[in-house]
Amino acid sequence: MKNCKGGVSIKRRKVFIICIAIFIIAFVVLHSSQKLALRTHLVVMGHPIIAFKTQMTDDVLHNTLNDKSMNKDLSVHYYSLTIPPYDEEISGTYLRNYRVKHKMLLYFAEYWGEA
């Protein structure tokens, strides 16, 4: 095997670059829509079954409050889950409401609390 600078083989360098490219492409695809970003967030937080079973509905309360506020944020949308995950670490509550924020070309979700 031919060595390039630093003593790393060219084949190993190609494998490394391909792995990084796959990771970046997967990240972009999993954050390309609002609902997909929310499902990805649920899987990462340890609730993969609920991520695939639950339905996501518009959180009417938070969306109307955002629409009526003076500093209306168009890059934010709120969702409620029909089958919310139960989390004992956050005061033993059901994690029902989530905020999905649009940054650049990607969407990111976070837990937003109860009403």
Foldseek 3Di string as FASTA:
>chain_A
DDADPPRDDPVVVVVVVVVVVVVVVVVCVQFQDQLSQVLVVCVVVPNNVLSVPKDKDFPVVVQVVLVPDPPRDPQKTKIFIPDFDFDVVVVGDGQGMKMWGDDDRGIHIDGDDDD
